[in-house]
N, C-alpha and C. Protein backbone atom coordinates (compact mmCIF):
# COMPACT_ATOMS: atom_id res chain seq x y z
N MET A 1 15.15 2.09 -13.43
CA MET A 1 15.21 2.48 -11.85
C MET A 1 16.05 1.05 -11.65
N ASN A 2 16.60 1.05 -10.84
CA ASN A 2 17.73 0.16 -10.59
C ASN A 2 16.69 -0.34 -9.54
N ILE A 3 16.62 -1.88 -9.39
CA ILE A 3 15.59 -2.38 -8.23
C ILE A 3 16.19 -3.38 -7.20
N THR A 4 16.40 -2.29 -5.67
CA THR A 4 16.70 -3.53 -5.13
C THR A 4 16.14 -3.82 -3.56
N TYR A 5 14.92 -3.81 -3.53
CA TYR A 5 13.77 -4.53 -2.61
C TYR A 5 13.24 -5.12 -3.01
N LEU A 6 12.94 -5.72 -3.86
CA LEU A 6 11.72 -6.28 -4.79
C LEU A 6 11.90 -7.22 -6.03
N GLN A 7 13.39 -7.63 -5.97
CA GLN A 7 13.45 -8.18 -7.00
C GLN A 7 12.47 -9.38 -7.37
N LEU A 8 11.86 -10.09 -6.21
CA LEU A 8 11.00 -11.10 -6.90
C LEU A 8 9.99 -10.70 -7.68
N MET A 9 9.98 -9.26 -6.89
CA MET A 9 8.35 -8.99 -8.10
C MET A 9 8.74 -8.67 -9.11
N GLN A 10 10.39 -8.22 -10.02
CA GLN A 10 11.24 -7.64 -10.71
C GLN A 10 10.44 -9.06 -11.51
N GLN A 11 10.91 -10.10 -10.92
CA GLN A 11 11.33 -11.53 -11.82
C GLN A 11 9.95 -11.85 -12.32
N THR A 12 8.66 -11.15 -11.61
CA THR A 12 7.41 -12.04 -11.26
C THR A 12 6.24 -11.29 -11.63
N PRO A 13 6.33 -10.68 -12.84
CA PRO A 13 5.65 -9.98 -13.65
C PRO A 13 4.34 -10.51 -14.11
N LYS A 14 4.19 -11.73 -13.82
CA LYS A 14 3.38 -11.76 -14.33
C LYS A 14 2.34 -12.79 -13.39
N LEU A 15 1.33 -13.09 -12.55
CA LEU A 15 0.31 -14.05 -12.04
C LEU A 15 -0.28 -14.39 -12.57
N GLN A 16 -1.40 -15.42 -12.26
CA GLN A 16 -2.72 -15.72 -13.03
C GLN A 16 -3.22 -14.84 -14.23
N ASN A 17 -2.34 -15.45 -15.26
CA ASN A 17 -2.82 -14.71 -16.65
C ASN A 17 -2.69 -13.05 -16.17
N THR A 18 -2.22 -12.00 -15.50
CA THR A 18 -2.54 -10.31 -15.05
C THR A 18 -0.77 -10.44 -15.62
N THR A 19 -0.86 -9.52 -16.15
CA THR A 19 0.93 -8.33 -16.14
C THR A 19 0.91 -7.17 -15.20
N ASN A 20 1.55 -7.31 -14.41
CA ASN A 20 2.10 -6.03 -13.92
C ASN A 20 2.09 -5.02 -14.79
N ARG A 21 1.23 -3.29 -14.24
CA ARG A 21 1.81 -2.67 -15.00
C ARG A 21 2.53 -1.61 -14.66
N SER A 22 3.11 -0.44 -15.30
CA SER A 22 4.33 -0.07 -13.87
C SER A 22 3.89 1.40 -14.27
N VAL A 23 3.57 2.48 -13.36
CA VAL A 23 3.87 3.61 -12.69
C VAL A 23 4.98 4.13 -13.68
N LYS A 24 4.49 5.10 -14.10
CA LYS A 24 5.21 5.79 -14.13
C LYS A 24 6.04 6.33 -13.62
N GLU A 25 7.23 7.09 -13.66
CA GLU A 25 7.78 7.85 -12.45
C GLU A 25 7.51 8.97 -11.63
N GLU A 26 7.28 9.64 -13.15
CA GLU A 26 6.67 11.31 -13.35
C GLU A 26 5.56 11.16 -12.26
N ASP A 27 4.59 10.08 -12.33
CA ASP A 27 3.84 10.56 -11.96
C ASP A 27 3.49 9.85 -10.64
N ILE A 28 5.11 8.85 -9.82
CA ILE A 28 5.12 8.68 -8.60
C ILE A 28 5.18 10.41 -7.97
N ASN A 29 6.29 10.79 -8.97
CA ASN A 29 7.08 12.52 -7.73
C ASN A 29 5.56 12.93 -8.19
N LEU A 30 4.92 13.54 -8.47
CA LEU A 30 3.61 14.30 -8.50
C LEU A 30 2.99 14.15 -7.60
N LEU A 31 3.18 12.73 -7.05
CA LEU A 31 1.89 12.58 -6.44
C LEU A 31 2.74 13.15 -5.30
N GLN A 32 4.35 12.26 -4.73
CA GLN A 32 5.07 12.31 -3.66
C GLN A 32 4.46 14.10 -3.43
N ASN A 33 4.61 14.98 -4.75
CA ASN A 33 4.87 16.49 -4.42
C ASN A 33 3.53 16.52 -3.36
N LYS A 34 3.35 16.44 -4.04
CA LYS A 34 1.28 16.00 -3.51
C LYS A 34 1.34 16.46 -2.66
N ILE A 35 1.30 15.07 -1.71
CA ILE A 35 0.59 15.30 -0.93
C ILE A 35 1.98 15.19 0.18
N GLU A 36 3.41 16.35 -0.06
CA GLU A 36 4.20 16.62 0.84
C GLU A 36 4.90 15.12 1.56
N LYS A 37 5.41 14.55 0.61
CA LYS A 37 5.81 13.10 1.54
C LYS A 37 7.07 12.30 0.43
N VAL A 38 7.85 11.48 0.73
CA VAL A 38 8.79 10.71 -0.04
C VAL A 38 8.15 9.63 0.73
N PHE A 39 8.00 8.32 -0.28
CA PHE A 39 7.63 7.37 -0.16
C PHE A 39 8.96 6.09 -0.07
N PRO A 40 9.02 5.77 0.55
CA PRO A 40 10.27 4.54 0.63
C PRO A 40 10.52 4.09 -0.51
N LEU A 41 11.82 4.11 -0.31
CA LEU A 41 12.28 3.26 -2.02
C LEU A 41 11.36 2.19 -2.28
N ALA A 42 11.23 1.03 -1.56
CA ALA A 42 10.64 0.03 -1.43
C ALA A 42 9.67 0.40 -2.38
N TYR A 43 8.56 1.26 -1.71
CA TYR A 43 7.15 1.05 -1.92
C TYR A 43 7.05 1.79 -3.71
N ILE A 44 8.28 2.81 -3.80
CA ILE A 44 8.49 3.84 -5.04
C ILE A 44 8.45 2.37 -5.52
N GLU A 45 9.66 1.19 -5.52
CA GLU A 45 9.96 0.50 -6.63
C GLU A 45 8.30 -0.69 -6.60
N PHE A 46 7.62 -0.26 -5.79
CA PHE A 46 6.67 -1.24 -6.20
C PHE A 46 5.63 -0.65 -7.13
N LEU A 47 5.73 0.83 -6.54
CA LEU A 47 4.45 1.02 -8.07
C LEU A 47 5.20 1.34 -9.64
N PHE A 48 6.26 1.38 -9.70
CA PHE A 48 7.24 1.65 -10.90
C PHE A 48 7.17 0.47 -10.98
N LEU A 49 7.16 -0.88 -10.82
CA LEU A 49 7.19 -2.63 -11.33
C LEU A 49 5.60 -2.88 -11.74
N GLY A 50 4.69 -2.39 -10.73
CA GLY A 50 3.54 -2.74 -11.00
C GLY A 50 2.11 -2.21 -10.33
N GLY A 51 2.68 -1.42 -10.00
CA GLY A 51 1.99 0.14 -8.94
C GLY A 51 0.43 0.41 -10.07
N SER A 52 0.56 0.51 -11.39
CA SER A 52 -0.81 0.39 -11.88
C SER A 52 -1.20 -0.88 -12.10
N ASN A 53 -1.22 -2.13 -11.73
CA ASN A 53 -1.62 -2.61 -12.12
C ASN A 53 -1.07 -3.58 -10.92
N ALA A 54 -0.78 -4.06 -10.15
CA ALA A 54 0.05 -4.72 -9.28
C ALA A 54 -1.04 -6.68 -9.09
N ASN A 55 -0.45 -7.57 -10.00
CA ASN A 55 -1.23 -8.56 -9.80
C ASN A 55 -1.37 -9.18 -8.37
N MET A 56 -0.68 -9.29 -7.50
CA MET A 56 -0.42 -10.08 -6.85
C MET A 56 -1.57 -8.84 -5.49
N ILE A 57 -1.78 -8.22 -5.85
CA ILE A 57 -2.67 -6.90 -4.65
C ILE A 57 -4.32 -7.28 -5.41
N ASN A 58 -4.51 -8.21 -5.63
CA ASN A 58 -5.62 -8.05 -5.46
C ASN A 58 -7.25 -6.96 -5.04
N VAL A 59 -7.34 -6.32 -4.61
CA VAL A 59 -8.02 -6.02 -3.82
C VAL A 59 -8.02 -3.90 -3.71
N ASP A 60 -7.16 -3.95 -4.71
CA ASP A 60 -7.03 -2.95 -5.19
C ASP A 60 -7.45 -2.56 -6.92
N HIS A 61 -7.39 -1.89 -7.38
CA HIS A 61 -7.44 -0.98 -8.88
C HIS A 61 -6.36 0.35 -9.63
N GLY A 62 -5.22 -0.14 -8.34
CA GLY A 62 -4.33 0.08 -8.51
C GLY A 62 -3.43 1.79 -8.00
N PHE A 63 -3.00 2.22 -9.31
CA PHE A 63 -2.42 4.01 -8.76
C PHE A 63 -3.30 5.23 -9.96
N TYR A 64 -3.66 4.81 -10.68
CA TYR A 64 -4.68 5.48 -11.55
C TYR A 64 -5.67 5.20 -11.57
N ASN A 65 -6.71 6.41 -11.31
CA ASN A 65 -7.99 6.48 -11.46
C ASN A 65 -8.77 5.33 -12.58
N PRO A 66 -10.02 4.75 -12.59
CA PRO A 66 -10.31 3.77 -13.91
C PRO A 66 -10.95 4.68 -14.30
N ASN A 67 -11.85 5.00 -13.33
CA ASN A 67 -13.23 6.45 -13.99
C ASN A 67 -12.67 7.43 -14.25
N GLY A 68 -11.46 8.15 -14.19
CA GLY A 68 -11.25 8.96 -14.83
C GLY A 68 -10.98 10.02 -13.65
N GLY A 69 -11.12 11.49 -13.62
CA GLY A 69 -11.23 12.36 -12.65
C GLY A 69 -9.75 12.75 -12.61
N ASN A 70 -9.59 13.83 -11.56
CA ASN A 70 -8.88 14.46 -11.19
C ASN A 70 -7.64 13.69 -10.05
N LYS A 71 -8.38 12.98 -8.95
CA LYS A 71 -7.49 12.33 -8.11
C LYS A 71 -7.74 11.05 -8.70
N ARG A 72 -6.28 10.45 -8.29
CA ARG A 72 -5.86 9.65 -8.60
C ARG A 72 -6.71 8.34 -7.73
N TYR A 73 -6.52 6.82 -8.01
CA TYR A 73 -7.45 5.68 -6.94
C TYR A 73 -7.02 5.86 -6.03
N ILE A 74 -5.34 5.43 -5.85
CA ILE A 74 -4.85 5.53 -5.08
C ILE A 74 -4.72 6.46 -4.24
N GLU A 75 -5.31 8.13 -4.26
CA GLU A 75 -5.73 8.83 -2.92
C GLU A 75 -7.34 8.73 -2.82
N LEU A 76 -7.68 8.34 -3.47
CA LEU A 76 -9.50 7.63 -2.78
C LEU A 76 -9.22 6.93 -2.20
N ILE A 77 -8.89 5.69 -1.93
CA ILE A 77 -8.18 4.12 -0.69
C ILE A 77 -8.35 5.96 -0.41
N GLN A 78 -7.22 6.42 0.06
CA GLN A 78 -6.83 6.66 1.08
C GLN A 78 -7.82 7.66 1.85
N GLU A 79 -8.74 8.79 1.13
CA GLU A 79 -9.74 9.29 2.00
C GLU A 79 -10.58 8.53 2.36
N ARG A 80 -10.97 7.10 1.34
CA ARG A 80 -11.89 6.13 1.83
C ARG A 80 -11.37 5.14 3.11
N VAL A 81 -10.65 5.23 3.72
CA VAL A 81 -10.41 4.59 4.44
C VAL A 81 -9.90 5.51 5.81
N HIS A 82 -9.81 6.86 5.53
CA HIS A 82 -9.29 7.87 6.82
C HIS A 82 -11.09 8.60 7.01
N LYS A 83 -11.91 8.58 5.79
CA LYS A 83 -13.32 8.50 6.52
C LYS A 83 -14.73 7.57 6.86
N PHE A 84 -13.97 6.51 6.99
CA PHE A 84 -14.65 5.40 7.53
C PHE A 84 -13.98 5.23 8.94
N LEU A 85 -13.18 5.63 8.99
CA LEU A 85 -12.69 5.60 10.45
C LEU A 85 -12.00 6.82 11.52
N GLU A 86 -12.99 8.04 10.43
CA GLU A 86 -14.13 9.04 11.11
C GLU A 86 -15.64 8.15 11.61
N LYS A 87 -15.94 8.60 10.33
CA LYS A 87 -17.14 7.59 10.91
C LYS A 87 -17.56 6.91 12.36
N GLU A 88 -16.28 5.56 12.04
CA GLU A 88 -16.78 4.84 13.35
C GLU A 88 -16.24 5.67 14.79
N LYS A 89 -15.25 7.14 14.25
CA LYS A 89 -14.82 7.65 15.88
C LYS A 89 -13.28 6.77 16.31
N LEU A 90 -13.02 6.31 14.85
CA LEU A 90 -11.42 5.44 15.84
C LEU A 90 -10.39 6.16 14.71
N GLU A 91 -9.12 6.16 15.54
CA GLU A 91 -8.08 6.07 15.04
C GLU A 91 -7.14 5.49 14.77
N ILE A 92 -5.92 5.37 13.64
CA ILE A 92 -4.94 4.47 14.16
C ILE A 92 -3.50 5.39 14.62
N GLU A 93 -2.45 5.23 15.65
CA GLU A 93 -2.01 6.03 16.58
C GLU A 93 -0.94 5.61 16.15
N GLY A 94 0.56 6.45 15.56
CA GLY A 94 2.01 6.19 15.18
C GLY A 94 1.90 6.85 14.96
N GLY A 95 1.75 7.63 14.21
CA GLY A 95 2.82 8.68 13.06
C GLY A 95 1.20 8.68 11.55
N GLU A 96 2.22 9.88 10.79
CA GLU A 96 1.88 9.47 9.33
C GLU A 96 1.40 8.35 8.95
N TYR A 97 0.69 7.83 8.08
CA TYR A 97 0.51 6.24 7.37
C TYR A 97 0.05 6.30 6.01
N TRP A 98 0.24 4.86 5.11
CA TRP A 98 -0.58 5.53 3.93
C TRP A 98 -0.87 3.63 3.58
N VAL A 99 -1.93 4.28 3.11
CA VAL A 99 -2.81 3.01 2.47
C VAL A 99 -2.34 2.28 1.35
N ILE A 100 -2.18 0.89 1.43
CA ILE A 100 -1.46 0.01 0.08
C ILE A 100 -2.71 -0.21 -0.62
N CYS A 101 -4.17 -0.68 0.63
CA CYS A 101 -5.08 -1.68 -0.30
C CYS A 101 -5.93 -1.60 1.20
N GLU A 102 -7.26 -1.99 -0.12
CA GLU A 102 -8.55 -1.73 1.50
C GLU A 102 -9.85 -2.73 0.35
N LEU A 103 -10.43 -2.77 1.63
CA LEU A 103 -11.46 -3.53 0.92
C LEU A 103 -12.92 -3.15 1.89
N ASP A 104 -13.83 -3.15 0.97
CA ASP A 104 -15.18 -2.97 2.06
C ASP A 104 -15.28 -1.01 2.81
N GLY A 105 -14.27 -0.09 2.02
CA GLY A 105 -14.71 1.30 1.94
C GLY A 105 -14.30 1.75 3.49
N GLY A 106 -13.15 0.31 3.66
CA GLY A 106 -11.87 1.09 4.56
C GLY A 106 -12.10 0.39 5.91
N GLU A 107 -12.74 -0.81 5.27
CA GLU A 107 -13.81 -2.09 6.53
C GLU A 107 -12.21 -2.49 6.96
N GLN A 108 -11.37 -2.52 6.35
CA GLN A 108 -10.20 -3.64 6.48
C GLN A 108 -9.63 -3.02 5.09
N PHE A 109 -7.46 -2.97 6.06
CA PHE A 109 -6.70 -2.26 4.89
C PHE A 109 -5.07 -2.97 4.98
N ASP A 110 -4.42 -2.90 4.39
CA ASP A 110 -3.04 -2.80 5.09
C ASP A 110 -1.70 -1.13 4.41
N PHE A 111 -1.20 -0.89 5.58
CA PHE A 111 -0.64 0.75 5.50
C PHE A 111 0.76 0.01 5.90
N PHE A 112 1.47 1.07 5.41
CA PHE A 112 2.93 1.16 6.32
C PHE A 112 3.35 2.95 7.10
N TYR A 113 3.85 3.31 7.60
CA TYR A 113 4.08 4.38 8.44
C TYR A 113 4.82 5.39 8.09
N PHE A 114 5.10 5.98 7.23
CA PHE A 114 6.56 6.87 6.31
C PHE A 114 7.24 7.23 7.51
N ASN A 115 7.15 7.52 8.80
CA ASN A 115 8.63 7.62 9.94
C ASN A 115 8.06 6.13 10.51
N ASP A 116 8.28 4.37 10.41
CA ASP A 116 8.54 3.86 11.89
C ASP A 116 9.39 3.35 12.81
N PRO A 117 9.24 4.32 13.43
CA PRO A 117 10.20 3.81 14.52
C PRO A 117 10.85 2.32 14.81
N ASP A 118 9.66 1.59 14.47
CA ASP A 118 10.12 -0.03 14.30
C ASP A 118 10.69 -0.35 12.91
N ALA A 119 10.54 0.27 12.44
CA ALA A 119 11.30 0.14 10.38
C ALA A 119 13.12 -0.13 11.17
N GLU A 120 14.09 -2.28 11.20
CA GLU A 120 14.73 -1.43 10.99
C GLU A 120 15.63 -0.83 9.80
N ASP A 121 14.65 -1.03 8.90
CA ASP A 121 15.52 0.56 6.82
C ASP A 121 13.80 0.87 6.87
N PRO A 122 14.37 1.95 7.14
CA PRO A 122 12.70 3.65 6.33
C PRO A 122 12.93 3.37 5.83
N GLU A 123 13.99 2.78 4.10
CA GLU A 123 13.01 2.91 3.04
C GLU A 123 12.83 1.31 3.01
N ASN A 124 12.40 0.59 3.61
CA ASN A 124 11.37 -1.23 2.95
C ASN A 124 11.25 -1.29 4.84
N PRO A 125 10.08 -0.19 4.57
CA PRO A 125 8.82 -0.06 6.26
C PRO A 125 8.59 -1.39 6.64
N PRO A 126 7.80 -1.16 8.07
CA PRO A 126 6.91 -2.40 8.10
C PRO A 126 5.78 -2.35 7.97
N VAL A 127 4.31 -3.34 7.57
CA VAL A 127 3.55 -3.72 6.76
C VAL A 127 2.50 -3.75 7.98
N TYR A 128 1.12 -3.53 8.40
CA TYR A 128 0.49 -2.97 9.00
C TYR A 128 -0.79 -3.88 8.31
N ALA A 129 -1.90 -4.38 9.30
CA ALA A 129 -3.33 -4.42 8.72
C ALA A 129 -4.15 -4.23 9.98
N SER A 130 -5.49 -3.49 9.08
CA SER A 130 -6.39 -3.16 10.74
C SER A 130 -7.92 -3.60 10.23
N TYR A 131 -8.91 -3.74 10.77
CA TYR A 131 -10.10 -3.92 10.11
C TYR A 131 -10.69 -3.68 11.07
N PRO A 132 -11.03 -2.13 11.24
CA PRO A 132 -11.35 -1.63 12.79
C PRO A 132 -13.00 -1.99 12.43
N ALA A 133 -13.88 -3.04 11.20
CA ALA A 133 -15.13 -3.01 11.38
C ALA A 133 -15.11 -4.76 11.87
N TYR A 134 -13.94 -5.23 12.01
CA TYR A 134 -14.28 -6.49 12.68
C TYR A 134 -13.45 -6.96 13.64
N VAL A 135 -12.71 -5.89 14.57
CA VAL A 135 -12.40 -5.58 16.17
C VAL A 135 -13.34 -5.45 17.21
N ASP A 136 -13.07 -6.62 18.11
CA ASP A 136 -13.78 -5.78 19.67
C ASP A 136 -13.38 -4.40 20.12
N GLU A 137 -13.37 -4.15 21.02
CA GLU A 137 -13.23 -2.56 21.71
C GLU A 137 -11.86 -3.63 22.34
N ASP A 138 -11.80 -4.62 23.15
CA ASP A 138 -10.31 -4.53 23.82
C ASP A 138 -9.21 -5.07 22.84
N GLU A 139 -9.44 -5.14 21.42
CA GLU A 139 -8.56 -5.75 20.15
C GLU A 139 -7.90 -4.48 19.86
N PRO A 140 -6.71 -4.25 19.52
CA PRO A 140 -5.66 -3.96 19.05
C PRO A 140 -6.37 -3.12 17.60
N LEU A 141 -6.57 -2.11 16.88
CA LEU A 141 -7.17 -1.84 15.69
C LEU A 141 -6.18 -1.85 14.76
N LYS A 142 -4.80 -2.60 15.59
CA LYS A 142 -3.49 -2.66 13.90
C LYS A 142 -2.69 -3.83 14.61
N LYS A 143 -2.64 -4.16 13.43
CA LYS A 143 -1.64 -5.99 13.17
C LYS A 143 -0.69 -5.66 12.57
N LYS A 144 0.90 -5.72 12.55
CA LYS A 144 1.75 -6.08 11.98
C LYS A 144 1.81 -7.22 11.57
N ILE A 145 2.05 -7.00 9.66
CA ILE A 145 1.76 -8.62 9.36
C ILE A 145 2.83 -8.91 8.52
N ALA A 146 4.01 -7.41 8.61
CA ALA A 146 5.19 -8.50 7.67
C ALA A 146 6.31 -7.23 8.27
N ASN A 147 7.61 -7.62 8.38
CA ASN A 147 8.81 -7.10 9.06
C ASN A 147 9.16 -5.89 7.99
N SER A 148 8.73 -5.89 6.52
CA SER A 148 9.24 -5.04 5.63
C SER A 148 8.02 -4.89 4.05
N PHE A 149 8.38 -4.17 3.42
CA PHE A 149 6.97 -4.01 2.62
C PHE A 149 7.48 -5.14 1.99
N SER A 150 9.10 -5.35 1.58
CA SER A 150 9.40 -6.67 0.80
C SER A 150 8.78 -7.89 1.05
N GLU A 151 9.11 -8.27 2.69
CA GLU A 151 8.35 -9.14 2.43
C GLU A 151 7.21 -9.45 2.07
N TYR A 152 6.14 -8.07 2.40
CA TYR A 152 4.74 -8.22 2.21
C TYR A 152 4.56 -8.89 1.16
N ILE A 153 5.15 -7.99 -0.06
CA ILE A 153 4.89 -8.32 -1.20
C ILE A 153 5.43 -9.83 -1.83
N GLU A 154 7.21 -9.77 -1.46
CA GLU A 154 7.18 -11.15 -1.34
C GLU A 154 5.99 -12.40 -0.29
N ALA A 155 5.70 -12.17 0.63
CA ALA A 155 3.89 -13.26 0.58
C ALA A 155 3.33 -12.83 0.03
N LYS A 156 2.80 -11.89 -0.57
CA LYS A 156 1.73 -12.05 -1.32
C LYS A 156 2.28 -12.62 -3.01
N ILE A 157 3.20 -12.78 -3.13
CA ILE A 157 3.85 -13.08 -4.40
C ILE A 157 4.04 -14.80 -4.27
N LYS A 158 4.39 -15.81 -3.22
CA LYS A 158 4.56 -16.42 -3.10
C LYS A 158 2.68 -16.95 -2.89
N ALA A 159 1.93 -16.62 -2.46
CA ALA A 159 0.48 -17.03 -2.23
C ALA A 159 0.02 -17.58 -3.56
N TYR A 160 0.41 -16.74 -4.39
CA TYR A 160 -0.14 -17.12 -5.94
C TYR A 160 0.98 -17.90 -6.77
N THR A 161 2.13 -18.24 -6.38
CA THR A 161 2.81 -19.42 -7.40
C THR A 161 3.16 -20.72 -7.05
């Protein structure tokens, strides 16, 4: 796969004694078919370069389910976040989104929208953070933390180098 957006990640396969592990392109395609969505290219590059074990996003267990089972771990975190929001009667507005990583059963998570109207490049969308367990009623449920997915990943890498 030619890497367009995540060249720094490609050049930094090892951080903190952890080496990125790739997700097979076939598995990425199977998931996209299952969810009936196409991931933005920057996120596909992320999965390809290190989505099985991304050394810079240490709040996650990667793409595959470490405990086995028929669901990928990345699918389980989607469910976990949605269940938490439903339980708290909260909703992330703005369209369909994909959770990149989460903490504490969905109390904190980072995500991107599949069709973000604010994206300068739809193949490299902005990334948002949400802390639904820690916001007051008058605070917004989400906050833009990066203007693009590649900016988000580069910031994570630079935090560890």
